[in-house]
Amino acid sequence: MSSINDQTCNLNIWYYLSDEVWNQVATLYESMPGWIGFTNGIPYWFGQEVDDVFIMASVEPSGLSFYAQMCDEDWSSWIGRFKLEATTVLGFEVGEPEDGFR
């Protein structure tokens, strides 16, 4: 059985992008596995902070930030899918700024 770990990821989806881009991101949120909706403006998948497994996102000056609690394998699969689908939907390569994505 895989253990649940804290997971984080910051993506090059910047707060200052157009409303059109953010509307596309919101649509992408809803298409991702585990989507449960927004609570107080925060998107959640699988559960919330009171649950064992959850993913949440926030828009920060450093980009779109994800925080999760889940096993490494499930997280890697989920965030990998998000990056691929965001790249297709948004029309630019989505990745982590620390890995050179601008």
N, C-alpha and C. Protein backbone atom coordinates (compact mmCIF):
# COMPACT_ATOMS: atom_id res chain seq x y z
N MET A 1 0.84 -1.18 0.00
CA MET A 1 0.00 0.00 0.00
C MET A 1 0.88 1.25 0.00
N SER A 2 0.57 2.20 -0.84
CA SER A 2 1.34 3.43 -0.95
C SER A 2 0.94 4.40 0.16
N SER A 3 1.94 5.10 0.67
CA SER A 3 1.64 6.06 1.73
C SER A 3 1.23 7.41 1.13
N ILE A 4 0.43 8.12 1.88
CA ILE A 4 -0.03 9.46 1.47
C ILE A 4 1.02 10.47 1.90
N ASN A 5 1.41 11.32 0.96
CA ASN A 5 2.44 12.33 1.20
C ASN A 5 1.93 13.70 0.78
N ASP A 6 2.56 14.73 1.34
CA ASP A 6 2.30 16.09 0.86
C ASP A 6 2.91 16.25 -0.52
N GLN A 7 2.18 16.90 -1.40
CA GLN A 7 2.63 17.12 -2.77
C GLN A 7 2.45 18.60 -3.11
N THR A 8 3.36 19.17 -3.86
CA THR A 8 3.22 20.55 -4.31
C THR A 8 3.70 20.67 -5.75
N CYS A 9 3.14 21.64 -6.44
CA CYS A 9 3.56 21.92 -7.80
C CYS A 9 3.17 23.36 -8.13
N ASN A 10 4.08 24.07 -8.73
CA ASN A 10 3.83 25.44 -9.17
C ASN A 10 3.99 25.45 -10.68
N LEU A 11 2.98 25.97 -11.39
CA LEU A 11 3.00 25.96 -12.86
C LEU A 11 3.08 27.37 -13.44
N ASN A 12 3.54 27.44 -14.66
CA ASN A 12 3.71 28.72 -15.37
C ASN A 12 2.40 29.24 -15.97
N ILE A 13 1.35 29.13 -15.21
CA ILE A 13 0.06 29.73 -15.57
C ILE A 13 -0.07 30.94 -14.64
N TRP A 14 0.26 32.10 -15.18
CA TRP A 14 0.46 33.32 -14.38
C TRP A 14 -0.85 34.03 -14.06
N TYR A 15 -0.91 34.66 -12.91
CA TYR A 15 -2.10 35.36 -12.44
C TYR A 15 -2.54 36.46 -13.39
N TYR A 16 -1.63 37.05 -14.14
CA TYR A 16 -1.95 38.19 -14.99
C TYR A 16 -2.44 37.80 -16.39
N LEU A 17 -2.58 36.51 -16.65
CA LEU A 17 -3.08 36.09 -17.96
C LEU A 17 -4.54 36.53 -18.12
N SER A 18 -5.02 36.51 -19.34
CA SER A 18 -6.35 37.04 -19.65
C SER A 18 -7.47 36.22 -19.01
N ASP A 19 -8.63 36.85 -18.90
CA ASP A 19 -9.82 36.15 -18.41
C ASP A 19 -10.13 34.94 -19.28
N GLU A 20 -9.88 35.06 -20.58
CA GLU A 20 -10.12 33.94 -21.50
C GLU A 20 -9.29 32.73 -21.09
N VAL A 21 -8.02 32.95 -20.77
CA VAL A 21 -7.15 31.85 -20.34
C VAL A 21 -7.67 31.26 -19.03
N TRP A 22 -8.04 32.10 -18.08
CA TRP A 22 -8.52 31.60 -16.79
C TRP A 22 -9.85 30.87 -16.92
N ASN A 23 -10.68 31.27 -17.87
CA ASN A 23 -11.92 30.53 -18.13
C ASN A 23 -11.61 29.15 -18.68
N GLN A 24 -10.58 29.05 -19.52
CA GLN A 24 -10.16 27.75 -20.05
C GLN A 24 -9.60 26.88 -18.92
N VAL A 25 -8.85 27.48 -18.01
CA VAL A 25 -8.32 26.74 -16.86
C VAL A 25 -9.47 26.21 -16.01
N ALA A 26 -10.48 27.03 -15.76
CA ALA A 26 -11.63 26.60 -14.96
C ALA A 26 -12.34 25.42 -15.62
N THR A 27 -12.47 25.45 -16.93
CA THR A 27 -13.08 24.33 -17.65
C THR A 27 -12.21 23.08 -17.52
N LEU A 28 -10.91 23.27 -17.60
CA LEU A 28 -9.99 22.14 -17.43
C LEU A 28 -10.10 21.55 -16.03
N TYR A 29 -10.19 22.41 -15.02
CA TYR A 29 -10.39 21.92 -13.65
C TYR A 29 -11.52 20.90 -13.60
N GLU A 30 -12.65 21.28 -14.18
CA GLU A 30 -13.86 20.45 -14.11
C GLU A 30 -13.70 19.12 -14.84
N SER A 31 -12.81 19.06 -15.81
CA SER A 31 -12.62 17.84 -16.58
C SER A 31 -11.62 16.87 -15.95
N MET A 32 -10.93 17.32 -14.91
CA MET A 32 -9.91 16.48 -14.29
C MET A 32 -10.53 15.46 -13.34
N PRO A 33 -9.91 14.27 -13.23
CA PRO A 33 -10.43 13.24 -12.32
C PRO A 33 -10.52 13.77 -10.89
N GLY A 34 -11.61 13.40 -10.21
CA GLY A 34 -11.78 13.74 -8.82
C GLY A 34 -12.40 15.09 -8.53
N TRP A 35 -12.77 15.82 -9.60
CA TRP A 35 -13.31 17.17 -9.42
C TRP A 35 -14.52 17.15 -8.49
N ILE A 36 -14.49 18.01 -7.44
CA ILE A 36 -15.66 18.14 -6.57
C ILE A 36 -16.21 19.55 -6.54
N GLY A 37 -15.47 20.52 -7.08
CA GLY A 37 -15.99 21.87 -7.18
C GLY A 37 -15.18 22.90 -6.41
N PHE A 38 -15.73 24.11 -6.40
CA PHE A 38 -15.11 25.23 -5.69
C PHE A 38 -15.74 25.38 -4.31
N THR A 39 -14.92 25.67 -3.32
CA THR A 39 -15.38 26.05 -1.99
C THR A 39 -14.67 27.34 -1.62
N ASN A 40 -15.44 28.40 -1.40
CA ASN A 40 -14.87 29.72 -1.10
C ASN A 40 -13.85 30.13 -2.16
N GLY A 41 -14.14 29.81 -3.42
CA GLY A 41 -13.28 30.20 -4.53
C GLY A 41 -12.08 29.30 -4.77
N ILE A 42 -11.92 28.27 -3.96
CA ILE A 42 -10.78 27.36 -4.09
C ILE A 42 -11.24 26.08 -4.77
N PRO A 43 -10.56 25.68 -5.87
CA PRO A 43 -10.92 24.42 -6.53
C PRO A 43 -10.37 23.21 -5.76
N TYR A 44 -11.20 22.16 -5.68
CA TYR A 44 -10.81 20.94 -4.98
C TYR A 44 -11.10 19.72 -5.84
N TRP A 45 -10.25 18.71 -5.66
CA TRP A 45 -10.44 17.41 -6.27
C TRP A 45 -10.30 16.36 -5.17
N PHE A 46 -11.12 15.34 -5.22
CA PHE A 46 -11.11 14.16 -4.35
C PHE A 46 -11.57 14.42 -2.91
N GLY A 47 -11.34 15.58 -2.37
CA GLY A 47 -11.73 15.89 -0.99
C GLY A 47 -11.22 17.28 -0.63
N GLN A 48 -11.26 17.59 0.66
CA GLN A 48 -10.75 18.86 1.16
C GLN A 48 -9.75 18.58 2.28
N GLU A 49 -9.24 19.62 2.90
CA GLU A 49 -8.16 19.47 3.88
C GLU A 49 -8.51 18.53 5.03
N VAL A 50 -9.77 18.36 5.34
CA VAL A 50 -10.16 17.45 6.43
C VAL A 50 -10.13 15.99 6.01
N ASP A 51 -9.97 15.74 4.71
CA ASP A 51 -9.95 14.38 4.17
C ASP A 51 -8.51 13.87 4.03
N ASP A 52 -8.36 12.56 3.93
CA ASP A 52 -7.03 11.97 3.79
C ASP A 52 -6.40 12.31 2.43
N VAL A 53 -7.22 12.33 1.39
CA VAL A 53 -6.72 12.56 0.04
C VAL A 53 -7.44 13.77 -0.54
N PHE A 54 -6.68 14.72 -1.05
CA PHE A 54 -7.27 15.87 -1.71
C PHE A 54 -6.23 16.59 -2.54
N ILE A 55 -6.71 17.40 -3.47
CA ILE A 55 -5.89 18.33 -4.23
C ILE A 55 -6.62 19.66 -4.19
N MET A 56 -5.85 20.74 -4.03
CA MET A 56 -6.41 22.08 -4.11
C MET A 56 -5.44 22.95 -4.92
N ALA A 57 -5.97 24.04 -5.46
CA ALA A 57 -5.13 24.95 -6.24
C ALA A 57 -5.37 26.38 -5.81
N SER A 58 -4.38 27.21 -6.04
CA SER A 58 -4.52 28.64 -5.79
C SER A 58 -3.68 29.41 -6.80
N VAL A 59 -4.11 30.61 -7.09
CA VAL A 59 -3.39 31.48 -8.02
C VAL A 59 -2.49 32.38 -7.19
N GLU A 60 -1.20 32.28 -7.44
CA GLU A 60 -0.19 33.02 -6.69
C GLU A 60 0.65 33.85 -7.66
N PRO A 61 1.36 34.87 -7.16
CA PRO A 61 2.26 35.62 -8.04
C PRO A 61 3.29 34.73 -8.75
N SER A 62 3.62 33.60 -8.12
CA SER A 62 4.59 32.67 -8.71
C SER A 62 3.97 31.70 -9.70
N GLY A 63 2.67 31.79 -9.95
CA GLY A 63 1.99 30.91 -10.90
C GLY A 63 0.85 30.15 -10.25
N LEU A 64 0.28 29.22 -11.01
CA LEU A 64 -0.80 28.38 -10.48
C LEU A 64 -0.17 27.33 -9.57
N SER A 65 -0.57 27.32 -8.33
CA SER A 65 0.04 26.48 -7.31
C SER A 65 -0.93 25.39 -6.87
N PHE A 66 -0.44 24.15 -6.84
CA PHE A 66 -1.22 23.02 -6.37
C PHE A 66 -0.63 22.49 -5.07
N TYR A 67 -1.50 22.11 -4.16
CA TYR A 67 -1.10 21.41 -2.94
C TYR A 67 -2.00 20.19 -2.83
N ALA A 68 -1.41 19.06 -2.49
CA ALA A 68 -2.18 17.83 -2.41
C ALA A 68 -1.67 16.95 -1.30
N GLN A 69 -2.52 16.04 -0.89
CA GLN A 69 -2.13 14.93 -0.04
C GLN A 69 -2.62 13.67 -0.75
N MET A 70 -1.67 12.91 -1.26
CA MET A 70 -1.99 11.66 -1.92
C MET A 70 -0.71 10.87 -2.15
N CYS A 71 -0.83 9.63 -2.56
CA CYS A 71 0.37 8.83 -2.80
C CYS A 71 1.12 9.38 -4.01
N ASP A 72 2.42 9.17 -4.01
CA ASP A 72 3.28 9.73 -5.05
C ASP A 72 2.85 9.32 -6.46
N GLU A 73 2.53 8.06 -6.64
CA GLU A 73 2.16 7.56 -7.97
C GLU A 73 0.89 8.21 -8.50
N ASP A 74 -0.13 8.32 -7.65
CA ASP A 74 -1.38 8.95 -8.06
C ASP A 74 -1.17 10.43 -8.37
N TRP A 75 -0.37 11.10 -7.53
CA TRP A 75 -0.09 12.52 -7.75
C TRP A 75 0.65 12.73 -9.07
N SER A 76 1.67 11.95 -9.30
CA SER A 76 2.46 12.08 -10.53
C SER A 76 1.58 11.91 -11.76
N SER A 77 0.70 10.94 -11.71
CA SER A 77 -0.22 10.70 -12.83
C SER A 77 -1.18 11.88 -13.02
N TRP A 78 -1.76 12.36 -11.93
CA TRP A 78 -2.76 13.42 -12.01
C TRP A 78 -2.13 14.72 -12.50
N ILE A 79 -1.02 15.15 -11.89
CA ILE A 79 -0.42 16.43 -12.28
C ILE A 79 0.18 16.33 -13.68
N GLY A 80 0.67 15.16 -14.06
CA GLY A 80 1.17 14.97 -15.43
C GLY A 80 0.04 15.15 -16.44
N ARG A 81 -1.11 14.59 -16.14
CA ARG A 81 -2.27 14.76 -17.02
C ARG A 81 -2.69 16.23 -17.09
N PHE A 82 -2.70 16.91 -15.93
CA PHE A 82 -3.09 18.33 -15.93
C PHE A 82 -2.15 19.13 -16.82
N LYS A 83 -0.85 18.92 -16.69
CA LYS A 83 0.13 19.65 -17.51
C LYS A 83 -0.10 19.40 -19.00
N LEU A 84 -0.30 18.14 -19.38
CA LEU A 84 -0.52 17.80 -20.79
C LEU A 84 -1.79 18.44 -21.33
N GLU A 85 -2.86 18.32 -20.59
CA GLU A 85 -4.13 18.88 -21.06
C GLU A 85 -4.10 20.41 -21.07
N ALA A 86 -3.45 21.01 -20.07
CA ALA A 86 -3.32 22.47 -20.05
C ALA A 86 -2.50 22.96 -21.23
N THR A 87 -1.44 22.24 -21.58
CA THR A 87 -0.62 22.60 -22.74
C THR A 87 -1.47 22.60 -24.00
N THR A 88 -2.31 21.60 -24.17
CA THR A 88 -3.17 21.51 -25.35
C THR A 88 -4.21 22.62 -25.35
N VAL A 89 -4.88 22.82 -24.24
CA VAL A 89 -5.98 23.79 -24.15
C VAL A 89 -5.47 25.23 -24.24
N LEU A 90 -4.38 25.53 -23.58
CA LEU A 90 -3.91 26.91 -23.49
C LEU A 90 -3.01 27.33 -24.64
N GLY A 91 -2.44 26.36 -25.34
CA GLY A 91 -1.63 26.69 -26.51
C GLY A 91 -0.20 27.08 -26.21
N PHE A 92 0.26 26.83 -24.99
CA PHE A 92 1.68 27.01 -24.65
C PHE A 92 2.08 25.88 -23.72
N GLU A 93 3.38 25.58 -23.69
CA GLU A 93 3.84 24.47 -22.89
C GLU A 93 3.75 24.81 -21.41
N VAL A 94 2.98 24.02 -20.69
CA VAL A 94 2.76 24.23 -19.26
C VAL A 94 3.70 23.32 -18.48
N GLY A 95 4.41 23.95 -17.55
CA GLY A 95 5.33 23.20 -16.70
C GLY A 95 5.75 24.05 -15.52
N GLU A 96 6.73 23.57 -14.81
CA GLU A 96 7.18 24.25 -13.59
C GLU A 96 8.28 25.26 -13.92
N PRO A 97 8.12 26.52 -13.48
CA PRO A 97 9.12 27.54 -13.77
C PRO A 97 10.54 27.13 -13.34
N GLU A 98 10.66 26.41 -12.24
CA GLU A 98 11.99 25.99 -11.79
C GLU A 98 12.63 24.99 -12.74
N ASP A 99 11.82 24.42 -13.63
CA ASP A 99 12.34 23.52 -14.68
C ASP A 99 12.54 24.27 -16.01
N GLY A 100 12.43 25.58 -15.97
CA GLY A 100 12.69 26.39 -17.15
C GLY A 100 11.48 26.80 -17.97
N PHE A 101 10.27 26.46 -17.50
CA PHE A 101 9.07 26.84 -18.24
C PHE A 101 8.71 28.29 -17.92
N ARG A 102 8.50 29.08 -18.98
CA ARG A 102 8.21 30.51 -18.80
C ARG A 102 6.80 30.84 -19.16
